[in-house]
């Protein structure tokens, strides 16, 4: 029987018995398995999708799939209305509804993943969602009755990989923030990359001393 070489390691079923019994073989095999398990970041820009969500329909499929722990970024524009007023994706903050598995304003934009009927996400004008499961993204208006509802929203959606699970897409870590997409705390200072990025984003601007 001929020995076959795959990526520097002999085939288990073809290697001589004496080779299989050597410590060196098992060391190499262990290193090969460890190498295969090493996570790799995805540096590619996430594809952007445009979804139209009608005001008077129930859960509407988008044709976009997400895997558990992906980061889903949504930005919604447009208006829909009922018999009383017009609303954007943030809905009517004076009236809250929780009949779809999330406490959210009436006439707000909601999303769910797959056929989950007991979990929905409040999207509003713009938000990031960490996918709690895998499946197709579906959207709807948070209404009780469709009667009198009209209009539509346009929603820009990206689904991004987050290899280290720190809440920041790999693409953003690599190209925007220059943090390590394989480490939750890139600089090891005890503060997560997400905490430090949010601090940079939302830190109040201190006015320069005018000398007065």
N, C-alpha and C. Protein backbone atom coordinates (compact mmCIF):
# COMPACT_ATOMS: atom_id res chain seq x y z
N UNK A 1 0.85 -1.18 0.00
CA UNK A 1 0.00 0.00 0.00
C UNK A 1 0.89 1.24 0.00
N UNK A 2 0.50 2.20 -0.80
CA UNK A 2 1.29 3.42 -0.93
C UNK A 2 0.93 4.40 0.19
N UNK A 3 1.94 5.13 0.64
CA UNK A 3 1.71 6.20 1.61
C UNK A 3 1.31 7.45 0.85
N UNK A 4 0.29 8.15 1.32
CA UNK A 4 -0.18 9.38 0.70
C UNK A 4 0.07 10.54 1.65
N UNK A 5 0.51 11.65 1.08
CA UNK A 5 0.86 12.82 1.89
C UNK A 5 -0.17 13.92 1.69
N UNK A 6 -0.84 14.36 2.76
CA UNK A 6 -1.83 15.44 2.69
C UNK A 6 -1.38 16.56 3.60
N UNK A 7 -1.04 17.72 2.98
CA UNK A 7 -0.66 18.90 3.75
C UNK A 7 0.45 18.61 4.76
N UNK A 8 1.39 17.75 4.38
CA UNK A 8 2.53 17.49 5.24
C UNK A 8 2.32 16.38 6.24
N UNK A 9 1.14 15.74 6.28
CA UNK A 9 0.85 14.66 7.22
C UNK A 9 0.43 13.43 6.44
N UNK A 10 0.94 12.27 6.86
CA UNK A 10 0.59 11.06 6.15
C UNK A 10 -0.83 10.63 6.48
N UNK A 11 -1.48 10.06 5.49
CA UNK A 11 -2.85 9.59 5.67
C UNK A 11 -2.88 8.52 6.76
N UNK A 12 -3.79 8.62 7.71
CA UNK A 12 -3.87 7.69 8.83
C UNK A 12 -4.06 6.26 8.36
N UNK A 13 -4.86 6.07 7.33
CA UNK A 13 -5.18 4.72 6.90
C UNK A 13 -4.09 4.11 6.02
N UNK A 14 -3.16 4.96 5.51
CA UNK A 14 -2.15 4.48 4.59
C UNK A 14 -0.78 4.41 5.21
N UNK A 15 -0.57 5.10 6.35
CA UNK A 15 0.75 5.15 6.95
C UNK A 15 1.12 3.81 7.56
N UNK A 16 2.40 3.45 7.57
CA UNK A 16 2.84 2.20 8.21
C UNK A 16 2.51 2.21 9.69
N UNK A 17 2.29 0.99 10.25
CA UNK A 17 1.92 0.88 11.65
C UNK A 17 3.00 1.47 12.55
N UNK A 18 4.26 1.29 12.16
CA UNK A 18 5.34 1.82 13.00
C UNK A 18 5.27 3.33 13.11
N UNK A 19 4.82 3.99 12.02
CA UNK A 19 4.68 5.45 12.04
C UNK A 19 3.59 5.89 13.00
N UNK A 20 2.47 5.14 13.01
CA UNK A 20 1.33 5.50 13.86
C UNK A 20 1.65 5.39 15.34
N UNK A 21 2.62 4.56 15.66
CA UNK A 21 2.93 4.34 17.07
C UNK A 21 4.00 5.28 17.61
N UNK A 22 4.50 6.17 16.80
CA UNK A 22 5.56 7.06 17.27
C UNK A 22 4.96 8.31 17.92
N UNK A 23 5.60 8.80 18.99
CA UNK A 23 5.12 10.04 19.62
C UNK A 23 5.11 11.21 18.66
N UNK A 24 6.07 11.25 17.75
CA UNK A 24 6.15 12.36 16.79
C UNK A 24 4.89 12.44 15.95
N UNK A 25 4.37 11.28 15.55
CA UNK A 25 3.15 11.27 14.72
C UNK A 25 1.99 11.90 15.47
N UNK A 26 1.81 11.49 16.73
CA UNK A 26 0.68 12.02 17.49
C UNK A 26 0.86 13.50 17.80
N UNK A 27 2.11 13.94 17.96
CA UNK A 27 2.36 15.37 18.17
C UNK A 27 1.95 16.16 16.93
N UNK A 28 2.35 15.66 15.75
CA UNK A 28 1.99 16.34 14.51
C UNK A 28 0.48 16.33 14.29
N UNK A 29 -0.14 15.21 14.61
CA UNK A 29 -1.60 15.12 14.46
C UNK A 29 -2.29 16.12 15.37
N UNK A 30 -1.81 16.24 16.62
CA UNK A 30 -2.40 17.20 17.55
C UNK A 30 -2.25 18.62 17.07
N UNK A 31 -1.07 18.95 16.53
CA UNK A 31 -0.85 20.29 16.01
C UNK A 31 -1.75 20.57 14.82
N UNK A 32 -1.96 19.56 13.98
CA UNK A 32 -2.84 19.74 12.82
C UNK A 32 -4.26 20.03 13.25
N UNK A 33 -4.74 19.28 14.25
CA UNK A 33 -6.11 19.49 14.74
C UNK A 33 -6.24 20.87 15.37
N UNK A 34 -5.25 21.26 16.17
CA UNK A 34 -5.27 22.58 16.80
C UNK A 34 -5.27 23.68 15.76
N UNK A 35 -4.49 23.49 14.69
CA UNK A 35 -4.44 24.50 13.63
C UNK A 35 -5.77 24.66 12.93
N UNK A 36 -6.47 23.54 12.74
CA UNK A 36 -7.78 23.60 12.08
C UNK A 36 -8.80 24.32 12.94
N UNK A 37 -8.62 24.27 14.29
CA UNK A 37 -9.61 24.86 15.18
C UNK A 37 -9.38 26.35 15.42
N UNK A 38 -8.27 26.88 14.95
CA UNK A 38 -7.96 28.29 15.17
C UNK A 38 -8.93 29.17 14.39
N UNK A 39 -9.66 30.07 15.06
CA UNK A 39 -10.62 30.92 14.33
C UNK A 39 -9.92 31.91 13.43
N UNK A 40 -10.56 32.27 12.36
CA UNK A 40 -10.02 33.27 11.44
C UNK A 40 -11.05 34.37 11.25
N UNK A 41 -10.58 35.60 11.28
CA UNK A 41 -11.47 36.75 11.09
C UNK A 41 -11.84 36.88 9.62
N UNK A 42 -12.97 37.54 9.38
CA UNK A 42 -13.43 37.79 8.02
C UNK A 42 -13.25 39.28 7.70
N UNK A 43 -12.30 39.64 6.84
CA UNK A 43 -12.03 41.05 6.56
C UNK A 43 -12.93 41.65 5.49
N UNK A 44 -13.84 40.87 4.91
CA UNK A 44 -14.66 41.34 3.79
C UNK A 44 -15.78 42.26 4.26
N UNK A 45 -16.08 43.27 3.43
CA UNK A 45 -17.19 44.17 3.73
C UNK A 45 -18.52 43.42 3.63
N UNK A 46 -19.39 43.52 4.63
CA UNK A 46 -20.69 42.84 4.55
C UNK A 46 -21.54 43.39 3.41
N UNK A 47 -22.26 42.51 2.75
CA UNK A 47 -23.13 42.93 1.65
C UNK A 47 -24.34 43.68 2.21
N UNK A 48 -24.71 44.78 1.54
CA UNK A 48 -25.87 45.55 1.97
C UNK A 48 -27.10 45.15 1.16
N UNK A 49 -28.22 44.98 1.85
CA UNK A 49 -29.49 44.61 1.22
C UNK A 49 -30.51 45.71 1.48
N UNK A 50 -31.46 45.86 0.57
CA UNK A 50 -32.54 46.82 0.75
C UNK A 50 -33.86 46.06 0.79
N UNK A 51 -34.60 46.26 1.88
CA UNK A 51 -35.85 45.53 2.10
C UNK A 51 -37.00 46.54 2.20
N UNK A 52 -38.11 46.25 1.55
CA UNK A 52 -39.31 47.08 1.66
C UNK A 52 -40.29 46.39 2.61
N UNK A 53 -40.75 47.14 3.62
CA UNK A 53 -41.67 46.59 4.62
C UNK A 53 -42.98 47.35 4.54
N UNK A 54 -44.06 46.64 4.22
CA UNK A 54 -45.38 47.25 4.10
C UNK A 54 -46.02 47.43 5.47
N UNK A 55 -46.78 48.51 5.63
CA UNK A 55 -47.37 48.85 6.93
C UNK A 55 -48.48 47.90 7.34
N UNK A 56 -49.21 47.35 6.39
CA UNK A 56 -50.44 46.62 6.71
C UNK A 56 -50.31 45.11 6.55
N UNK A 57 -49.09 44.59 6.57
CA UNK A 57 -48.89 43.15 6.44
C UNK A 57 -48.23 42.57 7.69
N UNK A 58 -48.41 41.26 7.89
CA UNK A 58 -47.78 40.59 9.02
C UNK A 58 -46.30 40.35 8.71
N UNK A 59 -45.70 39.34 9.32
CA UNK A 59 -44.27 39.11 9.13
C UNK A 59 -43.92 38.91 7.67
N UNK A 60 -43.02 39.75 7.17
CA UNK A 60 -42.68 39.74 5.75
C UNK A 60 -41.25 39.24 5.55
N UNK A 61 -41.07 38.18 4.73
CA UNK A 61 -39.74 37.65 4.50
C UNK A 61 -38.85 38.64 3.75
N UNK A 62 -37.56 38.58 4.03
CA UNK A 62 -36.62 39.50 3.40
C UNK A 62 -35.70 38.83 2.38
N UNK A 63 -35.60 37.49 2.45
CA UNK A 63 -34.64 36.78 1.62
C UNK A 63 -33.22 36.87 2.15
N UNK A 64 -33.03 37.43 3.37
CA UNK A 64 -31.71 37.59 3.98
C UNK A 64 -31.59 36.61 5.14
N UNK A 65 -30.51 35.87 5.17
CA UNK A 65 -30.29 34.90 6.25
C UNK A 65 -29.19 35.38 7.18
N UNK A 66 -29.31 35.00 8.43
CA UNK A 66 -28.28 35.30 9.43
C UNK A 66 -28.01 34.05 10.24
N UNK A 67 -26.78 33.92 10.72
CA UNK A 67 -26.42 32.84 11.62
C UNK A 67 -26.35 33.36 13.04
N UNK A 68 -26.51 32.46 13.99
CA UNK A 68 -26.44 32.84 15.40
C UNK A 68 -25.13 33.59 15.67
N UNK A 69 -25.24 34.68 16.42
CA UNK A 69 -24.13 35.55 16.84
C UNK A 69 -23.65 36.50 15.75
N UNK A 70 -24.24 36.44 14.53
CA UNK A 70 -23.96 37.49 13.55
C UNK A 70 -24.47 38.82 14.06
N UNK A 71 -23.88 39.91 13.57
CA UNK A 71 -24.36 41.24 13.92
C UNK A 71 -25.18 41.77 12.75
N UNK A 72 -26.45 42.07 13.02
CA UNK A 72 -27.37 42.55 12.00
C UNK A 72 -27.54 44.06 12.20
N UNK A 73 -27.18 44.83 11.19
CA UNK A 73 -27.30 46.29 11.27
C UNK A 73 -28.42 46.73 10.35
N UNK A 74 -29.37 47.49 10.90
CA UNK A 74 -30.53 47.95 10.15
C UNK A 74 -30.66 49.47 10.23
N UNK A 75 -30.94 50.09 9.09
CA UNK A 75 -31.23 51.52 9.02
C UNK A 75 -32.51 51.68 8.22
N UNK A 76 -33.53 52.29 8.83
CA UNK A 76 -34.85 52.40 8.19
C UNK A 76 -35.18 53.85 7.86
N UNK A 77 -35.77 54.05 6.69
CA UNK A 77 -36.27 55.37 6.30
C UNK A 77 -37.69 55.21 5.77
N UNK A 78 -38.43 56.31 5.74
CA UNK A 78 -39.80 56.27 5.24
C UNK A 78 -40.81 56.45 6.35
N UNK A 79 -42.08 56.40 5.98
CA UNK A 79 -43.18 56.58 6.94
C UNK A 79 -44.32 55.63 6.63
N UNK A 80 -45.03 55.29 7.67
CA UNK A 80 -46.32 54.65 7.50
C UNK A 80 -47.31 55.32 8.45
N UNK A 81 -48.58 55.08 8.28
CA UNK A 81 -49.58 55.83 9.04
C UNK A 81 -50.79 54.96 9.35
N UNK A 82 -51.51 55.39 10.38
CA UNK A 82 -52.82 54.80 10.67
C UNK A 82 -53.87 55.89 10.49
N UNK A 83 -55.04 55.72 11.07
CA UNK A 83 -56.11 56.69 10.88
C UNK A 83 -55.86 57.99 11.63
N UNK A 84 -54.82 58.01 12.50
CA UNK A 84 -54.63 59.17 13.35
C UNK A 84 -53.38 59.99 13.03
N UNK A 85 -52.31 59.32 12.64
CA UNK A 85 -51.04 60.04 12.47
C UNK A 85 -50.08 59.26 11.59
N UNK A 86 -48.95 59.90 11.27
CA UNK A 86 -47.87 59.26 10.53
C UNK A 86 -46.72 58.94 11.48
N UNK A 87 -46.02 57.85 11.19
CA UNK A 87 -44.93 57.41 12.07
C UNK A 87 -43.73 56.98 11.23
N UNK A 88 -42.57 57.19 11.80
CA UNK A 88 -41.37 56.60 11.24
C UNK A 88 -41.15 55.23 11.85
N UNK A 89 -39.96 54.68 11.63
CA UNK A 89 -39.67 53.33 12.13
C UNK A 89 -39.66 53.26 13.65
N UNK A 90 -39.47 54.41 14.33
CA UNK A 90 -39.46 54.41 15.79
C UNK A 90 -40.86 54.31 16.38
N UNK A 91 -41.90 54.48 15.56
CA UNK A 91 -43.27 54.33 16.02
C UNK A 91 -43.76 55.43 16.93
N UNK A 92 -44.78 55.11 17.70
CA UNK A 92 -45.42 56.07 18.60
C UNK A 92 -44.97 55.78 20.04
N UNK A 93 -44.04 56.57 20.59
CA UNK A 93 -43.51 56.27 21.93
C UNK A 93 -44.53 56.45 23.05
N UNK A 94 -45.66 57.08 22.76
CA UNK A 94 -46.69 57.28 23.79
C UNK A 94 -47.54 56.03 24.01
N UNK A 95 -47.44 55.06 23.09
CA UNK A 95 -48.22 53.82 23.22
C UNK A 95 -47.29 52.63 23.03
N UNK A 96 -47.13 51.84 24.09
CA UNK A 96 -46.25 50.67 24.03
C UNK A 96 -47.07 49.40 23.87
N UNK A 97 -46.55 48.47 23.10
CA UNK A 97 -47.21 47.18 22.89
C UNK A 97 -46.18 46.06 23.08
N UNK A 98 -46.61 44.95 23.69
CA UNK A 98 -45.71 43.82 23.89
C UNK A 98 -46.34 42.50 23.45
N UNK A 99 -47.28 42.57 22.50
CA UNK A 99 -48.01 41.38 22.10
C UNK A 99 -47.22 40.49 21.15
N UNK A 100 -46.05 40.91 20.68
CA UNK A 100 -45.26 40.12 19.73
C UNK A 100 -43.94 39.65 20.32
N UNK A 101 -43.83 39.69 21.63
CA UNK A 101 -42.63 39.17 22.27
C UNK A 101 -41.58 40.21 22.57
N UNK A 102 -41.89 41.47 22.35
CA UNK A 102 -40.96 42.54 22.69
C UNK A 102 -41.78 43.76 23.08
N UNK A 103 -41.31 44.49 24.08
CA UNK A 103 -42.00 45.71 24.48
C UNK A 103 -41.48 46.84 23.61
N UNK A 104 -42.33 47.34 22.72
CA UNK A 104 -41.89 48.33 21.73
C UNK A 104 -43.03 49.29 21.44
N UNK A 105 -42.70 50.49 20.94
CA UNK A 105 -43.76 51.45 20.60
C UNK A 105 -44.70 50.91 19.52
N UNK A 106 -45.95 51.32 19.60
CA UNK A 106 -46.91 50.98 18.55
C UNK A 106 -46.42 51.55 17.23
N UNK A 107 -46.64 50.80 16.16
CA UNK A 107 -46.27 51.22 14.80
C UNK A 107 -44.76 51.35 14.61
N UNK A 108 -43.98 50.67 15.45
CA UNK A 108 -42.53 50.65 15.28
C UNK A 108 -42.14 49.49 14.37
N UNK A 109 -40.94 49.55 13.84
CA UNK A 109 -40.41 48.48 13.00
C UNK A 109 -39.85 47.37 13.89
N UNK A 110 -40.32 46.14 13.64
CA UNK A 110 -39.85 44.97 14.38
C UNK A 110 -39.18 43.98 13.43
N UNK A 111 -38.33 43.13 13.98
CA UNK A 111 -37.69 42.07 13.22
C UNK A 111 -37.68 40.79 14.04
N UNK A 112 -37.78 39.66 13.37
CA UNK A 112 -37.54 38.38 14.02
C UNK A 112 -36.68 37.53 13.09
N UNK A 113 -36.14 36.44 13.62
CA UNK A 113 -35.24 35.57 12.87
C UNK A 113 -35.90 34.21 12.72
N UNK A 114 -36.08 33.78 11.48
CA UNK A 114 -36.73 32.50 11.23
C UNK A 114 -38.19 32.53 11.65
N UNK A 115 -38.64 31.42 12.21
CA UNK A 115 -40.05 31.30 12.58
C UNK A 115 -40.28 31.48 14.07
N UNK A 116 -39.33 32.12 14.76
CA UNK A 116 -39.53 32.37 16.18
C UNK A 116 -40.76 33.26 16.37
N UNK A 117 -41.72 32.77 17.10
CA UNK A 117 -42.92 33.57 17.36
C UNK A 117 -42.87 34.20 18.75
N UNK A 118 -41.90 33.81 19.56
CA UNK A 118 -41.85 34.32 20.94
C UNK A 118 -40.67 35.26 21.15
N UNK A 119 -39.98 35.67 20.08
CA UNK A 119 -38.87 36.59 20.22
C UNK A 119 -38.84 37.53 19.03
N UNK A 120 -38.90 38.81 19.32
CA UNK A 120 -38.80 39.83 18.28
C UNK A 120 -37.82 40.89 18.74
N UNK A 121 -37.32 41.68 17.81
CA UNK A 121 -36.37 42.74 18.10
C UNK A 121 -36.96 44.07 17.66
N UNK A 122 -36.85 45.07 18.53
CA UNK A 122 -37.27 46.42 18.18
C UNK A 122 -36.13 47.05 17.38
N UNK A 123 -36.42 47.41 16.13
CA UNK A 123 -35.40 47.95 15.24
C UNK A 123 -35.39 49.48 15.28
N UNK A 124 -36.55 50.11 15.13
CA UNK A 124 -36.59 51.57 15.11
C UNK A 124 -35.87 52.13 13.91
N UNK A 125 -35.31 53.34 14.06
CA UNK A 125 -34.63 54.00 12.93
C UNK A 125 -33.31 53.32 12.58
N UNK A 126 -32.53 52.96 13.59
CA UNK A 126 -31.23 52.34 13.33
C UNK A 126 -30.79 51.58 14.57
N UNK A 127 -30.27 50.38 14.36
CA UNK A 127 -29.77 49.61 15.49
C UNK A 127 -28.92 48.44 15.01
N UNK A 128 -28.12 47.90 15.94
CA UNK A 128 -27.42 46.63 15.76
C UNK A 128 -28.11 45.57 16.59
N UNK A 129 -28.26 44.40 16.04
CA UNK A 129 -28.85 43.27 16.76
C UNK A 129 -27.87 42.10 16.67
N UNK A 130 -27.57 41.48 17.80
CA UNK A 130 -26.79 40.24 17.80
C UNK A 130 -27.77 39.08 17.66
N UNK A 131 -27.64 38.33 16.58
CA UNK A 131 -28.61 37.28 16.28
C UNK A 131 -28.60 36.20 17.36
N UNK A 132 -29.77 35.95 17.94
CA UNK A 132 -29.89 34.92 18.97
C UNK A 132 -30.13 33.54 18.40
N UNK A 133 -30.34 33.44 17.11
CA UNK A 133 -30.56 32.15 16.45
C UNK A 133 -30.23 32.33 14.97
N UNK A 134 -30.40 31.27 14.21
CA UNK A 134 -30.13 31.31 12.77
C UNK A 134 -31.44 31.22 11.99
N UNK A 135 -31.49 31.89 10.84
CA UNK A 135 -32.68 31.82 10.00
C UNK A 135 -32.85 33.05 9.14
N UNK A 136 -33.98 33.12 8.44
CA UNK A 136 -34.27 34.26 7.58
C UNK A 136 -34.80 35.43 8.40
N UNK A 137 -34.39 36.63 8.05
CA UNK A 137 -34.87 37.83 8.73
C UNK A 137 -36.25 38.19 8.20
N UNK A 138 -37.16 38.52 9.13
CA UNK A 138 -38.52 38.93 8.76
C UNK A 138 -38.85 40.22 9.50
N UNK A 139 -39.62 41.07 8.84
CA UNK A 139 -39.94 42.39 9.39
C UNK A 139 -41.44 42.63 9.37
N UNK A 140 -41.88 43.53 10.26
CA UNK A 140 -43.28 43.95 10.26
C UNK A 140 -43.46 45.21 11.09
N UNK A 141 -44.63 45.78 10.94
CA UNK A 141 -45.08 46.93 11.73
C UNK A 141 -45.66 46.40 13.04
N UNK A 142 -45.38 47.07 14.15
CA UNK A 142 -45.90 46.65 15.45
C UNK A 142 -47.33 47.18 15.65
N UNK A 143 -48.24 46.67 14.83
CA UNK A 143 -49.64 47.09 14.98
C UNK A 143 -50.45 45.96 15.60
N UNK A 144 -51.63 46.33 16.14
CA UNK A 144 -52.56 45.32 16.65
C UNK A 144 -53.50 44.87 15.55
N UNK A 145 -53.99 45.82 14.75
CA UNK A 145 -54.89 45.52 13.64
C UNK A 145 -54.40 46.25 12.40
N UNK A 146 -54.40 45.59 11.23
CA UNK A 146 -53.90 46.24 10.02
C UNK A 146 -54.87 47.25 9.42
N UNK A 147 -56.11 47.24 9.88
CA UNK A 147 -57.11 48.14 9.31
C UNK A 147 -56.68 49.60 9.45
N UNK A 148 -56.65 50.32 8.33
CA UNK A 148 -56.30 51.73 8.34
C UNK A 148 -54.82 52.01 8.21
N UNK A 149 -53.98 50.96 8.24
CA UNK A 149 -52.54 51.16 8.11
C UNK A 149 -52.16 51.28 6.63
N UNK A 150 -51.22 52.17 6.34
CA UNK A 150 -50.76 52.34 4.96
C UNK A 150 -49.31 52.84 4.97
N UNK A 151 -48.66 52.77 3.82
CA UNK A 151 -47.29 53.24 3.70
C UNK A 151 -46.29 52.11 3.78
N UNK A 152 -45.01 52.45 3.68
CA UNK A 152 -43.96 51.44 3.70
C UNK A 152 -42.65 52.06 4.18
N UNK A 153 -41.76 51.21 4.66
CA UNK A 153 -40.42 51.61 5.05
C UNK A 153 -39.40 50.91 4.16
N UNK A 154 -38.29 51.58 3.91
CA UNK A 154 -37.15 50.97 3.24
C UNK A 154 -36.08 50.72 4.31
N UNK A 155 -35.59 49.50 4.38
CA UNK A 155 -34.64 49.13 5.42
C UNK A 155 -33.35 48.62 4.78
N UNK A 156 -32.24 49.30 5.07
CA UNK A 156 -30.92 48.83 4.63
C UNK A 156 -30.39 47.87 5.69
N UNK A 157 -30.02 46.68 5.26
CA UNK A 157 -29.63 45.62 6.18
C UNK A 157 -28.27 45.05 5.80
N UNK A 158 -27.38 44.91 6.78
CA UNK A 158 -26.14 44.16 6.58
C UNK A 158 -26.06 43.09 7.67
N UNK A 159 -25.50 41.95 7.32
CA UNK A 159 -25.28 40.86 8.27
C UNK A 159 -23.79 40.59 8.30
N UNK A 160 -23.17 40.78 9.46
CA UNK A 160 -21.71 40.73 9.57
C UNK A 160 -21.27 39.65 10.55
N UNK A 161 -20.09 39.11 10.29
CA UNK A 161 -19.48 38.11 11.16
C UNK A 161 -18.73 38.81 12.30
N UNK A 162 -18.87 38.27 13.50
CA UNK A 162 -18.18 38.79 14.69
C UNK A 162 -17.44 37.62 15.33
N UNK A 163 -16.23 37.36 14.90
CA UNK A 163 -15.52 36.15 15.28
C UNK A 163 -15.29 36.05 16.78
N UNK A 164 -14.91 37.16 17.44
CA UNK A 164 -14.62 37.09 18.88
C UNK A 164 -15.84 37.37 19.75
N UNK A 165 -16.99 37.66 19.14
CA UNK A 165 -18.22 37.83 19.91
C UNK A 165 -18.24 39.05 20.80
N UNK A 166 -17.51 40.11 20.43
CA UNK A 166 -17.46 41.29 21.28
C UNK A 166 -18.47 42.37 20.88
N UNK A 167 -19.32 42.05 19.89
CA UNK A 167 -20.34 43.01 19.48
C UNK A 167 -19.89 43.96 18.38
N UNK A 168 -18.70 43.75 17.82
CA UNK A 168 -18.18 44.59 16.75
C UNK A 168 -17.88 43.69 15.54
N UNK A 169 -18.42 43.99 14.37
CA UNK A 169 -18.13 43.16 13.20
C UNK A 169 -16.64 43.10 12.90
N UNK A 170 -16.20 41.96 12.38
CA UNK A 170 -14.78 41.81 12.01
C UNK A 170 -14.34 42.93 11.08
N UNK A 171 -15.17 43.26 10.09
CA UNK A 171 -14.81 44.28 9.11
C UNK A 171 -14.52 45.61 9.79
N UNK A 172 -15.37 46.00 10.73
CA UNK A 172 -15.18 47.28 11.43
C UNK A 172 -13.94 47.26 12.30
N UNK A 173 -13.70 46.10 12.97
CA UNK A 173 -12.50 46.02 13.81
C UNK A 173 -11.24 46.20 12.98
N UNK A 174 -11.22 45.59 11.80
CA UNK A 174 -10.02 45.61 10.97
C UNK A 174 -9.84 46.95 10.27
N UNK A 175 -10.92 47.47 9.66
CA UNK A 175 -10.79 48.61 8.76
C UNK A 175 -11.13 49.96 9.40
N UNK A 176 -11.91 49.95 10.47
CA UNK A 176 -12.32 51.23 11.09
C UNK A 176 -11.59 51.48 12.41
N UNK A 177 -11.60 50.49 13.29
CA UNK A 177 -11.11 50.74 14.65
C UNK A 177 -9.69 50.22 14.89
N UNK A 178 -9.17 49.40 13.97
CA UNK A 178 -7.84 48.81 14.11
C UNK A 178 -7.69 48.05 15.43
N UNK A 179 -8.73 47.32 15.81
CA UNK A 179 -8.66 46.44 16.96
C UNK A 179 -8.54 45.00 16.46
N UNK A 180 -8.28 44.08 17.36
CA UNK A 180 -8.05 42.68 17.00
C UNK A 180 -9.39 41.95 16.95
N UNK A 181 -9.81 41.46 15.77
CA UNK A 181 -11.11 40.78 15.66
C UNK A 181 -11.13 39.40 16.30
N UNK A 182 -10.00 38.96 16.84
CA UNK A 182 -9.93 37.66 17.51
C UNK A 182 -9.82 37.80 19.03
N UNK A 183 -9.84 39.05 19.54
CA UNK A 183 -9.74 39.27 20.98
C UNK A 183 -10.80 40.28 21.43
N UNK A 184 -11.51 39.95 22.48
CA UNK A 184 -12.53 40.85 23.02
C UNK A 184 -11.89 42.12 23.57
N UNK A 185 -10.72 41.99 24.18
CA UNK A 185 -9.98 43.12 24.75
C UNK A 185 -8.62 43.17 24.05
N UNK A 186 -8.54 43.91 22.96
CA UNK A 186 -7.34 43.87 22.12
C UNK A 186 -6.08 44.31 22.85
N UNK A 187 -6.19 45.35 23.68
CA UNK A 187 -4.99 45.87 24.34
C UNK A 187 -4.79 45.31 25.75
N UNK A 188 -5.70 44.43 26.19
CA UNK A 188 -5.52 43.75 27.46
C UNK A 188 -5.57 44.65 28.68
N UNK A 189 -6.32 45.76 28.59
CA UNK A 189 -6.36 46.71 29.72
C UNK A 189 -7.56 46.49 30.64
N UNK A 190 -8.32 45.42 30.39
CA UNK A 190 -9.48 45.13 31.24
C UNK A 190 -10.78 45.73 30.75
N UNK A 191 -10.73 46.53 29.70
CA UNK A 191 -11.94 47.11 29.10
C UNK A 191 -12.12 46.51 27.70
N UNK A 192 -13.32 46.05 27.42
CA UNK A 192 -13.56 45.40 26.13
C UNK A 192 -13.43 46.41 24.99
N UNK A 193 -13.18 45.88 23.80
CA UNK A 193 -13.10 46.76 22.62
C UNK A 193 -14.40 47.53 22.45
N UNK A 194 -15.54 46.88 22.69
CA UNK A 194 -16.84 47.55 22.52
C UNK A 194 -16.97 48.71 23.49
N UNK A 195 -16.56 48.51 24.75
CA UNK A 195 -16.62 49.59 25.73
C UNK A 195 -15.76 50.77 25.30
N UNK A 196 -14.57 50.48 24.83
CA UNK A 196 -13.65 51.56 24.45
C UNK A 196 -14.14 52.28 23.20
N UNK A 197 -14.70 51.54 22.25
CA UNK A 197 -15.22 52.17 21.04
C UNK A 197 -16.43 53.04 21.37
N UNK A 198 -17.32 52.54 22.22
CA UNK A 198 -18.47 53.35 22.62
C UNK A 198 -18.03 54.60 23.37
N UNK A 199 -16.96 54.47 24.16
CA UNK A 199 -16.44 55.63 24.88
C UNK A 199 -15.96 56.69 23.89
N UNK A 200 -15.31 56.24 22.83
CA UNK A 200 -14.83 57.18 21.81
C UNK A 200 -15.99 57.80 21.03
N UNK A 201 -17.02 56.99 20.78
CA UNK A 201 -18.16 57.47 19.99
C UNK A 201 -18.96 58.51 20.75
N UNK A 202 -19.20 58.25 22.02
CA UNK A 202 -20.18 59.04 22.77
C UNK A 202 -19.56 59.95 23.82
N UNK A 203 -18.23 60.01 23.89
CA UNK A 203 -17.58 60.89 24.88
C UNK A 203 -17.95 62.34 24.60
N UNK A 204 -18.43 63.07 25.59
CA UNK A 204 -18.80 64.48 25.38
C UNK A 204 -17.59 65.29 24.92
N UNK A 205 -17.83 66.19 24.00
CA UNK A 205 -16.76 67.06 23.53
C UNK A 205 -16.55 68.18 24.54
N UNK A 206 -15.34 68.29 25.05
CA UNK A 206 -15.02 69.30 26.05
C UNK A 206 -14.56 70.56 25.32
N UNK A 207 -15.26 71.65 25.54
CA UNK A 207 -14.89 72.90 24.88
C UNK A 207 -13.54 73.38 25.37
N UNK A 208 -12.78 73.90 24.46
CA UNK A 208 -11.45 74.42 24.82
C UNK A 208 -11.60 75.63 25.74
N UNK A 209 -10.66 75.74 26.66
CA UNK A 209 -10.70 76.86 27.62
C UNK A 209 -10.51 78.17 26.86
N UNK A 210 -11.48 79.04 26.99
CA UNK A 210 -11.43 80.32 26.27
C UNK A 210 -10.53 81.33 26.96
N UNK A 211 -10.09 81.02 28.20
CA UNK A 211 -9.21 81.94 28.93
C UNK A 211 -9.97 83.04 29.64
N UNK A 212 -11.31 82.93 29.61
CA UNK A 212 -12.07 83.97 30.29
C UNK A 212 -12.42 83.53 31.69
